[in-house]
Protein backbone atom coordinates (compact mmCIF):
# COMPACT_ATOMS: atom_id res chain seq x y z
CA MET A 1 2.74 67.93 129.43
CA LEU A 2 5.51 68.73 126.98
CA LYS A 3 8.34 70.98 128.11
CA SER A 4 9.23 74.14 126.20
CA LYS A 5 12.29 72.59 124.49
CA GLU A 6 10.25 69.55 123.45
CA ILE A 7 7.57 71.81 121.94
CA VAL A 8 10.15 73.79 119.94
CA ALA A 9 11.76 70.57 118.67
CA ALA A 10 8.37 69.14 117.67
CA LEU A 11 7.41 72.30 115.78
CA LYS A 12 10.74 72.42 113.93
CA SER A 13 10.36 68.79 112.90
CA HIS A 14 6.80 69.45 111.75
CA MET A 15 7.84 72.41 109.62
CA LYS A 16 10.41 70.21 107.91
CA LEU A 17 7.56 67.86 107.08
CA THR A 18 5.39 70.61 105.59
CA ALA A 19 8.38 71.91 103.62
CA ASN A 20 9.05 68.38 102.26
CA LYS A 21 12.50 68.29 103.87
CA ALA A 22 14.29 65.22 105.19
CA GLY A 23 13.80 64.36 108.85
CA GLY A 24 10.34 65.89 109.05
CA ARG A 25 7.70 64.36 111.29
CA ARG A 26 4.11 65.22 112.16
CA ALA A 27 4.05 66.90 115.57
CA ASP A 28 1.80 65.83 118.40
CA ILE A 29 1.63 68.60 121.00
CA SER A 30 -1.56 67.49 122.74
CA ASN A 31 -2.36 69.43 125.95
CA ALA A 32 0.65 71.74 125.42
CA ASP A 33 0.71 75.27 126.80
CA LEU A 34 1.79 77.69 124.05
CA ARG A 35 0.20 80.83 125.40
CA GLY A 36 1.78 84.10 124.35
CA ARG A 37 4.03 82.62 121.65
CA ASN A 38 4.58 84.13 118.21
CA LEU A 39 3.83 81.47 115.59
CA SER A 40 2.83 83.84 112.80
CA THR A 41 3.31 82.69 109.17
CA LEU A 42 4.38 79.15 110.17
CA ASN A 43 3.12 76.21 108.13
CA LEU A 44 1.63 73.84 110.71
CA LYS A 45 -0.65 71.97 108.33
CA GLY A 46 -1.93 68.72 109.83
CA ILE A 47 -0.46 69.28 113.30
CA ARG A 48 -2.03 67.28 116.11
CA ALA A 49 -2.80 69.62 119.03
CA PRO A 50 -6.03 68.67 120.85
CA SER A 51 -6.65 70.50 124.15
CA THR A 52 -3.70 72.79 123.45
CA THR A 53 -3.67 76.31 124.91
CA LEU A 54 -2.82 79.06 122.42
CA ASP A 55 -4.25 81.99 124.37
CA ASP A 56 -2.75 85.41 123.51
CA CYS A 57 -0.64 83.91 120.71
CA MET A 58 0.39 85.72 117.52
CA LEU A 59 -0.92 83.49 114.72
CA VAL A 60 -1.17 85.93 111.82
CA LYS A 61 -1.20 84.10 108.47
CA THR A 62 -0.35 80.79 110.18
CA ILE A 63 -1.38 77.71 108.21
CA PHE A 64 -3.47 75.26 110.26
CA GLU A 65 -5.07 73.33 107.41
CA GLU A 66 -6.32 69.85 108.41
CA ALA A 67 -4.97 70.38 111.95
CA ASP A 68 -6.47 68.72 115.03
CA PHE A 69 -7.42 71.40 117.58
CA PHE A 70 -10.21 69.51 119.32
CA ASP A 71 -11.03 71.39 122.59
CA ALA A 72 -8.13 73.82 122.04
CA SER A 73 -8.17 77.41 123.29
CA PHE A 74 -7.32 80.46 121.15
CA ALA A 75 -8.67 83.06 123.60
CA ASN A 76 -7.52 86.60 122.73
CA ALA A 77 -5.14 85.23 120.08
CA ASP A 78 -4.38 87.21 116.93
CA CYS A 79 -5.45 84.80 114.18
CA ARG A 80 -5.95 87.31 111.38
CA PHE A 81 -5.68 85.69 107.95
CA ALA A 82 -4.87 82.30 109.52
CA ASN A 83 -5.92 79.28 107.47
CA PHE A 84 -8.07 76.72 109.34
CA ARG A 85 -9.31 74.96 106.21
CA LEU A 86 -10.60 71.45 107.04
CA ALA A 87 -9.31 71.77 110.63
CA ASP A 88 -10.96 69.92 113.52
CA LEU A 89 -12.02 72.75 115.85
CA ARG A 90 -14.81 70.99 117.72
CA GLY A 91 -15.23 72.57 121.15
CA ALA A 92 -12.47 75.12 120.44
CA CYS A 93 -12.55 78.48 122.21
CA PHE A 94 -11.86 81.69 120.26
CA PHE A 95 -13.26 84.10 122.86
CA GLY A 96 -12.01 87.63 122.14
CA ALA A 97 -9.76 86.44 119.30
CA LYS A 98 -8.93 88.52 116.25
CA LEU A 99 -10.04 86.47 113.25
CA GLY A 100 -10.42 89.05 110.53
CA GLY A 101 -9.73 87.49 107.14
CA ALA A 102 -9.27 84.00 108.61
CA ILE A 103 -10.26 81.00 106.50
CA PHE A 104 -12.53 78.32 108.00
CA ASP A 105 -13.52 76.63 104.76
CA ARG A 106 -15.01 73.21 105.67
CA ALA A 107 -13.59 73.44 109.19
CA ASP A 108 -15.47 71.51 111.87
CA LEU A 109 -16.59 73.77 114.73
CA ARG A 110 -19.42 71.62 116.03
CA VAL A 111 -20.05 70.87 119.67
CA GLY A 112 -17.29 68.87 121.35
CA ARG A 113 -17.87 65.71 123.31
CA ILE A 114 -14.91 65.88 125.69
CA VAL A 115 -15.20 66.16 129.46
CA HIS A 116 -12.18 68.17 130.51
CA ALA A 117 -11.39 70.72 133.24
CA GLY A 118 -15.03 70.98 134.20
CA ARG A 119 -16.25 71.37 130.62
CA SER A 120 -18.70 68.95 129.07
CA SER A 121 -20.04 68.98 125.52
CA THR A 122 -18.80 72.51 124.94
CA SER A 123 -19.51 74.26 121.65
CA ALA A 124 -17.02 76.37 119.75
CA ASP A 125 -16.69 79.80 121.37
CA LEU A 126 -16.14 82.59 118.84
CA SER A 127 -17.99 85.23 120.85
CA SER A 128 -16.87 88.87 120.83
CA ALA A 129 -14.36 88.10 118.06
CA ASP A 130 -13.24 90.16 115.08
CA LEU A 131 -14.30 87.98 112.14
CA ASP A 132 -14.70 90.57 109.40
CA GLU A 133 -14.24 88.97 105.95
CA ALA A 134 -13.64 85.52 107.49
CA ASN A 135 -14.48 82.52 105.31
CA PHE A 136 -16.77 79.96 106.99
CA SER A 137 -18.21 78.58 103.76
CA ASN A 138 -19.46 74.99 104.31
CA ALA A 139 -18.08 75.00 107.89
CA GLN A 140 -19.67 72.90 110.64
CA LEU A 141 -20.83 75.38 113.31
CA ASP A 142 -23.71 73.61 115.05
CA TYR A 143 -24.37 75.13 118.52
CA ALA A 144 -21.35 77.47 118.23
CA ASP A 145 -21.37 80.74 120.18
CA ILE A 146 -20.58 83.62 117.78
CA SER A 147 -22.58 86.20 119.74
CA LYS A 148 -21.50 89.87 119.76
CA SER A 149 -18.86 89.25 117.09
CA SER A 150 -18.10 91.48 114.12
CA LEU A 151 -18.79 89.46 110.97
CA ARG A 152 -18.91 92.13 108.28
CA ASP A 153 -18.48 90.80 104.75
CA SER A 154 -17.96 87.28 106.15
CA ASN A 155 -18.83 84.18 104.13
CA PHE A 156 -21.08 81.52 105.68
CA ALA A 157 -22.41 80.19 102.37
CA GLY A 158 -23.57 76.60 102.81
CA ALA A 159 -22.44 76.45 106.44
CA THR A 160 -24.23 74.13 108.89
CA MET A 161 -25.25 76.34 111.83
CA THR A 162 -28.05 74.56 113.70
CA SER A 163 -28.90 76.42 116.94
CA VAL A 164 -25.89 78.72 116.54
CA ASP A 165 -25.88 81.83 118.75
CA LEU A 166 -25.45 84.97 116.62
CA SER A 167 -27.22 87.33 119.03
CA GLY A 168 -25.90 90.87 118.85
CA ALA A 169 -23.53 89.99 115.99
CA ASP A 170 -22.77 92.41 113.16
CA LEU A 171 -23.49 90.54 109.92
CA THR A 172 -23.49 93.57 107.64
CA ASP A 173 -23.09 92.43 104.00
CA ALA A 174 -22.44 88.84 105.14
CA ASP A 175 -23.14 85.91 102.80
CA LEU A 176 -25.38 83.35 104.53
CA SER A 177 -26.83 81.92 101.34
CA ASN A 178 -27.97 78.30 101.67
CA ALA A 179 -26.76 78.23 105.30
CA LYS A 180 -28.56 75.84 107.64
CA LEU A 181 -29.68 78.13 110.48
CA ASN A 182 -32.57 76.09 111.91
CA GLY A 183 -33.13 77.11 115.52
CA ALA A 184 -30.44 79.80 115.34
CA ILE A 185 -30.50 82.74 117.75
CA LEU A 186 -30.11 86.06 115.93
CA THR A 187 -31.78 88.42 118.41
CA GLY A 188 -30.44 91.95 118.08
CA ALA A 189 -28.11 91.04 115.22
CA THR A 190 -27.45 93.47 112.34
CA LEU A 191 -28.20 92.01 108.92
CA THR A 192 -27.95 95.12 106.76
CA GLY A 193 -27.22 94.01 103.21
CA ALA A 194 -26.90 90.36 104.25
CA ASN A 195 -27.65 87.56 101.78
CA LEU A 196 -29.83 84.76 103.22
CA ARG A 197 -31.04 83.46 99.87
CA GLY A 198 -32.05 79.81 100.25
CA ALA A 199 -31.13 79.75 103.95
CA GLN A 200 -32.91 77.33 106.29
CA LEU A 201 -34.25 79.40 109.21
CA LYS A 202 -36.95 77.14 110.62
CA GLY A 203 -37.61 78.06 114.26
CA ALA A 204 -34.91 80.76 114.28
CA ASP A 205 -35.17 83.69 116.69
CA LEU A 206 -35.16 86.90 114.63
CA ARG A 207 -36.52 89.25 117.28
CA GLY A 208 -35.09 92.75 117.31
CA ILE A 209 -33.83 92.53 113.71
CA ASP A 210 -34.46 94.97 110.88
CA LEU A 211 -34.96 92.70 107.86
CA GLU A 212 -35.45 95.54 105.37
CA GLY A 213 -33.09 95.05 102.45
CA VAL A 214 -32.08 91.53 103.53
CA ASN A 215 -32.18 88.96 100.71
CA LEU A 216 -34.55 86.23 101.94
CA GLU A 217 -35.44 84.82 98.52
CA PHE A 218 -36.27 81.09 98.76
CA ALA A 219 -35.40 81.10 102.49
CA ASN A 220 -37.34 78.76 104.81
CA LEU A 221 -38.92 81.02 107.45
CA ALA A 222 -41.26 78.48 109.02
CA ASP A 223 -41.94 79.06 112.73
CA VAL A 224 -39.46 81.96 113.03
CA GLN A 225 -39.82 84.32 115.99
CA VAL A 226 -40.03 87.99 115.03
CA THR A 227 -40.57 91.24 116.93
CA PRO A 228 -44.23 92.31 116.98
CA PRO A 229 -44.75 95.07 114.43
CA VAL A 230 -44.65 98.66 115.60
CA SER A 231 -47.46 101.06 114.76
CA ALA A 232 -47.65 104.74 113.95
CA PRO A 233 -48.64 107.09 116.81
CA LYS A 234 -52.41 107.63 117.05
CA GLY A 235 -54.90 109.83 118.86
CA GLU A 236 -53.62 112.21 121.53
CA ILE A 237 -49.97 111.10 121.19
CA ALA A 238 -50.01 111.78 117.43
CA ALA A 239 -51.55 115.21 118.03
CA ILE A 240 -48.94 116.14 120.67
CA LEU A 241 -46.07 115.04 118.39
CA GLN A 242 -47.46 117.03 115.44
CA LYS A 243 -47.84 120.17 117.55
CA HIS A 244 -44.27 119.71 118.76
CA GLN A 245 -42.94 119.49 115.20
CA ASP A 246 -44.89 122.66 114.35
CA TRP A 247 -43.44 124.36 117.43
CA LEU A 248 -39.89 123.45 116.40
CA ASN A 249 -40.35 124.39 112.76
CA SER A 250 -41.75 127.82 113.66
CA ASN A 251 -39.23 128.56 116.43
CA GLY A 252 -42.03 128.53 118.98
CA LYS A 253 -44.51 130.72 117.11
CA ASP A 254 -46.93 127.90 116.26
CA GLY A 255 -47.79 124.55 117.80
CA GLN A 256 -46.81 123.59 121.34
CA ARG A 257 -43.81 122.11 123.10
CA ALA A 258 -44.49 118.45 123.85
CA ASN A 259 -44.91 117.31 127.42
CA LEU A 260 -44.69 113.53 127.31
CA SER A 261 -43.49 112.89 130.84
CA ASP A 262 -44.67 109.47 132.05
CA ALA A 263 -46.37 108.85 128.68
CA ASP A 264 -46.62 105.42 127.06
CA LEU A 265 -44.88 105.57 123.67
CA SER A 266 -43.93 101.91 123.55
CA SER A 267 -43.92 99.88 120.28
CA LEU A 268 -44.29 102.97 118.08
CA GLU A 269 -42.66 103.97 114.81
CA LEU A 270 -40.88 107.22 115.75
CA SER A 271 -37.83 107.09 113.47
CA TYR A 272 -36.21 110.41 112.52
CA LEU A 273 -38.58 112.54 114.61
CA ASP A 274 -37.22 115.64 116.31
CA PHE A 275 -37.80 115.46 120.08
CA SER A 276 -35.57 118.44 120.84
CA ALA A 277 -36.63 120.21 124.07
CA ALA A 278 -39.54 117.79 124.67
CA GLU A 279 -40.41 116.78 128.23
CA LEU A 280 -39.76 113.02 128.25
CA THR A 281 -38.81 112.05 131.84
CA GLY A 282 -40.32 108.80 133.08
CA SER A 283 -41.87 107.94 129.71
CA SER A 284 -41.82 104.49 128.07
CA PHE A 285 -40.34 103.91 124.61
CA ALA A 286 -39.95 100.15 125.10
CA GLY A 287 -39.67 98.37 121.75
CA SER A 288 -40.11 101.56 119.73
CA LYS A 289 -38.32 102.37 116.47
CA MET A 290 -36.37 105.59 117.06
CA LYS A 291 -33.68 105.33 114.42
CA GLY A 292 -32.09 108.69 113.64
CA CYS A 293 -34.18 110.57 116.20
CA LEU A 294 -32.99 114.01 117.31
CA LEU A 295 -32.76 113.91 121.10
CA ALA A 296 -29.78 116.18 121.73
CA ASN A 297 -29.83 117.84 125.17
CA SER A 298 -33.07 116.02 126.05
CA ASP A 299 -33.90 114.78 129.53
CA LEU A 300 -34.71 111.06 129.33
CA SER A 301 -34.01 110.34 132.98
CA GLY A 302 -35.89 107.33 134.29
CA THR A 303 -37.29 106.42 130.86
CA ASP A 304 -37.98 102.85 129.74
CA LEU A 305 -36.06 102.25 126.50
CA ARG A 306 -35.82 98.46 126.68
CA ALA A 307 -35.25 96.94 123.23
CA ALA A 308 -35.77 100.34 121.60
CA ASP A 309 -34.01 101.01 118.30
CA LEU A 310 -31.95 104.18 118.79
CA SER A 311 -29.46 103.43 116.05
CA GLU A 312 -27.90 106.57 114.53
CA ALA A 313 -29.84 108.75 116.98
CA ASP A 314 -28.48 112.16 117.99
CA LEU A 315 -28.14 111.86 121.78
CA ARG A 316 -25.45 114.48 122.36
CA GLY A 317 -25.63 116.00 125.84
CA VAL A 318 -28.59 113.77 126.71
CA LYS A 319 -29.67 112.92 130.27
CA LEU A 320 -30.32 109.20 130.66
CA VAL A 321 -29.86 109.03 134.42
CA ASN A 322 -31.29 105.74 135.77
CA ALA A 323 -32.84 104.98 132.36
CA ASN A 324 -33.54 101.38 131.37
CA LEU A 325 -31.79 100.60 128.07
CA GLN A 326 -31.60 96.83 128.36
CA HIS A 327 -31.03 95.25 124.94
CA ALA A 328 -31.51 98.63 123.22
CA ASN A 329 -29.91 99.17 119.81
CA LEU A 330 -27.59 102.19 119.98
CA ARG A 331 -25.47 101.26 116.98
CA LYS A 332 -23.81 104.40 115.54
CA ALA A 333 -25.66 106.59 118.05
CA ASN A 334 -23.96 109.85 119.02
CA LEU A 335 -23.74 110.23 122.81
CA SER A 336 -20.77 112.57 122.80
CA ALA A 337 -20.70 116.00 124.45
CA LEU A 338 -22.88 118.74 122.96
CA LYS A 339 -21.14 122.02 122.20
CA ILE A 340 -23.32 125.06 122.99
CA MET A 341 -22.68 128.77 122.99
CA SER A 342 -23.41 130.61 126.23
CA GLY A 343 -22.65 133.86 127.98
CA LYS A 344 -23.40 137.38 126.88
CA GLY A 345 -23.81 137.44 123.14
CA GLY A 346 -23.14 133.70 122.97
CA GLY A 347 -19.42 134.29 122.99
CA ARG A 348 -18.43 131.36 125.21
CA GLN A 349 -18.55 127.71 124.16
CA GLU A 350 -19.57 125.14 126.74
CA SER A 351 -19.60 121.38 126.57
CA VAL A 352 -22.62 119.46 127.89
CA ARG A 353 -21.66 115.84 128.56
CA SER A 354 -24.14 113.02 128.08
CA ASN A 355 -25.08 111.65 131.48
CA LEU A 356 -25.90 107.94 131.77
CA SER A 357 -25.26 107.62 135.51
CA GLY A 358 -27.03 104.58 136.91
CA ALA A 359 -28.42 103.64 133.50
CA ASP A 360 -28.99 99.96 132.73
CA LEU A 361 -27.35 99.18 129.38
CA SER A 362 -27.02 95.44 129.96
CA GLY A 363 -27.18 93.55 126.69
CA ALA A 364 -27.36 96.78 124.68
CA THR A 365 -25.64 97.13 121.30
CA LEU A 366 -23.32 100.16 121.08
CA THR A 367 -21.24 99.10 118.11
CA ASP A 368 -19.65 102.16 116.44
CA ALA A 369 -21.38 104.46 118.95
CA ASP A 370 -19.69 107.70 120.05
CA LEU A 371 -19.57 107.92 123.86
CA GLY A 372 -16.78 110.47 123.99
CA ASP A 373 -16.70 112.22 127.42
CA ALA A 374 -19.96 110.53 128.48
CA ILE A 375 -20.66 109.99 132.19
CA LEU A 376 -21.34 106.32 132.94
CA THR A 377 -20.86 106.40 136.71
CA GLY A 378 -22.58 103.40 138.24
CA ALA A 379 -24.04 102.33 134.90
CA ASN A 380 -24.55 98.66 134.05
CA ILE A 381 -22.99 97.66 130.71
CA ALA A 382 -22.82 93.93 131.48
CA SER A 383 -22.97 91.86 128.27
CA ALA A 384 -23.22 95.05 126.19
CA VAL A 385 -21.54 95.17 122.78
CA LEU A 386 -19.21 98.15 122.36
CA LEU A 387 -17.19 97.05 119.33
CA ARG A 388 -15.36 100.06 117.81
CA ALA A 389 -17.23 102.41 120.18
CA ASN A 390 -15.48 105.65 121.13
CA LEU A 391 -14.99 105.67 124.91
CA GLU A 392 -12.35 108.39 125.05
CA GLY A 393 -12.80 110.60 128.10
CA CYS A 394 -15.64 108.47 129.54
CA ASN A 395 -16.21 108.38 133.27
CA LEU A 396 -16.57 104.65 133.98
CA ASP A 397 -16.31 104.86 137.77
CA LYS A 398 -18.17 101.98 139.45
CA THR A 399 -19.47 100.78 136.09
CA GLN A 400 -20.55 97.13 135.95
CA ALA A 401 -18.95 95.65 132.84
CA ALA A 402 -19.08 91.87 133.28
CA ALA A 403 -18.95 90.06 129.91
CA ALA A 404 -19.10 93.35 128.00
CA SER A 405 -17.48 93.31 124.55
CA LEU A 406 -15.19 96.34 124.48
C-alpha cells in the first residue's frame, strides 16, 4: 500500500498531466487509503484507483472523468457536483454519500467481479445517498443498490438498470425515459411526476407505488408486479364512516361517533377522511390508502397499518403504541405535538406529544415527515427511510435503528 507522501506525490504528478504541464504522469493509487482527505475541485481525470478507499472524503466538484474506481469505496463522502463521466465504478460503494448534482454520464456502475475482503460479485452501492439532480443518463447500473436514496429531478434517461434496487427511493420528477428497468425493484418508491416514457419495465416490482400522474407512454409493463387495487368502504363500515362524518360536521348533533375498534378496514380507499375522535384501537388498516387523513389526537394503539399509505396525514398527538407500521408510507406526515387549549376558559395551552412507543416502523418511509417531540421509546425503525425528517426533541431511548436512513 502506498504511503501518504507517495500518494501526495502521485496526485501532484497527475494534476500536472491533466493541466498539460511538463513532468505530468498518470497516477496509479490502487488500494490506497485516502479516507477523510479534502480533494475538492481537483482534476483527477483518468486516474487509476481500483479498490481505493475514499470514505468521508471531501470531493466537491472533483473531476473523475474516465477514472478507474473498480471496487472503490466512497462511503459517506461528499461528492456533490463531482464529475464521474465515463468512469469505471463497477462494484463501487457510495453508501451514505452526498451525490447531489453529480454527473455519471455513461459511467459504468454494473456488478463487479472481484473477490476482495470477503466481497464477491458486489454491485454498486448508492443506497441512502443524496442524488438529487444527479446525471445518470446512459449509465450502466445493472444490479446496483440505490434503495432509500433521494433522486429528485435526477436524470436516468437511457440508463441500463436491469434488476436495480430502487425500493423506497424518492424519484420525484426524475427522468427515466427509455431506461432499461427489467426486473427492477421499486417497491415503496415515490414516482410523483416521474417520466418513464419508453422505459422497459418487464417483470419489475411496482408494489406500493402510486402511479397516478407518472408518464408511462410506450413503456413495456409486461409481467410487472403491482399492489392489488383498494376498494371503497361498503356495507356496515361505509355506514359507520358516513355517520361519523355527519357527527363531526354537526358538532355531535347528528350522526354517531365511530367505534371501529378491532374492525377490519384493510385494503380500503380512505384518503382524506376525518377520523378525529374515532375509536380505532386494535383495528386493521393494512394496505389501505389513507393519504391526507385527519387522525390528530386519535388512539391507534395496537393497530395494523402495514403497507398503509399515510402520506401527508395529520397525526399530531396520535397514539400509535405497539402499532404495526412495517413498510407504511408516512412521507410528509405530521407526527409532531398537538397544541390544545385546556384549563378554565381554555386559557392554558398544552402540548400532546405523539406516542409511538414500541411501534414497529421497520422499512417504513418517513421522508420529509415531522416527528418533532415524538416519543419513540422502544420503537423499531430498522431500515426505515427518514430523509429530511424532523426529529428535533424526539425521545429515541432504546430505539432499534439498524440500517435506518437518517
